[in-house]
């Protein structure tokens, strides 16, 4: 797996793990940041 593919996989995993965070955290900003990073990697 190339380094860029590994980075994409890592970001996807982080997005998936957000749903398991405590409700004390506002995950929306984190999710938007990660999705923007993922979109930039895909471009």
Protein backbone atom coordinates (compact mmCIF):
# COMPACT_ATOMS: atom_id res chain seq x y z
CA UNK A 1 0.00 0.00 0.00
CA UNK A 2 1.44 3.36 -0.99
CA UNK A 3 1.92 6.13 1.59
CA UNK A 4 -0.99 8.12 0.16
CA UNK A 5 -3.28 5.07 0.31
CA UNK A 6 -2.21 4.52 3.92
CA UNK A 7 -3.04 8.15 4.72
CA UNK A 8 -6.48 7.83 3.13
CA UNK A 9 -7.13 4.64 5.11
CA UNK A 10 -6.01 6.35 8.33
CA UNK A 11 -8.34 9.33 7.74
CA UNK A 12 -11.26 7.02 6.92
CA UNK A 13 -10.59 5.08 10.12
CA UNK A 14 -10.53 8.33 12.15
CA UNK A 15 -13.88 9.38 10.64
CA UNK A 16 -15.34 5.98 11.50
CA UNK A 17 -14.05 6.17 15.09
CA UNK A 18 -15.74 9.54 15.70
CA UNK A 19 -19.08 7.84 16.26
CA UNK A 20 -17.60 6.08 19.30
CA UNK A 21 -16.45 9.30 21.00
CA UNK A 22 -18.17 10.44 24.15
CA UNK A 23 -21.16 12.70 23.71
CA UNK A 24 -19.21 15.37 25.59
CA UNK A 25 -17.27 16.02 22.39
CA UNK A 26 -18.67 18.03 19.52
CA UNK A 27 -17.53 15.78 16.70
CA UNK A 28 -19.01 17.85 13.84
CA UNK A 29 -15.94 20.13 13.43
CA UNK A 30 -13.60 17.14 13.64
CA UNK A 31 -15.67 15.25 11.08
CA UNK A 32 -15.74 18.22 8.67
CA UNK A 33 -11.96 18.64 8.97
CA UNK A 34 -11.33 14.95 8.30
CA UNK A 35 -13.78 14.83 5.38
CA UNK A 36 -12.13 17.91 3.86
CA UNK A 37 -8.74 16.26 4.24
CA UNK A 38 -10.09 13.08 2.65
CA UNK A 39 -11.55 15.06 -0.28
CA UNK A 40 -8.23 16.84 -0.77
CA UNK A 41 -6.39 13.51 -0.82
CA UNK A 42 -8.83 12.08 -3.36
CA UNK A 43 -8.37 15.05 -5.72
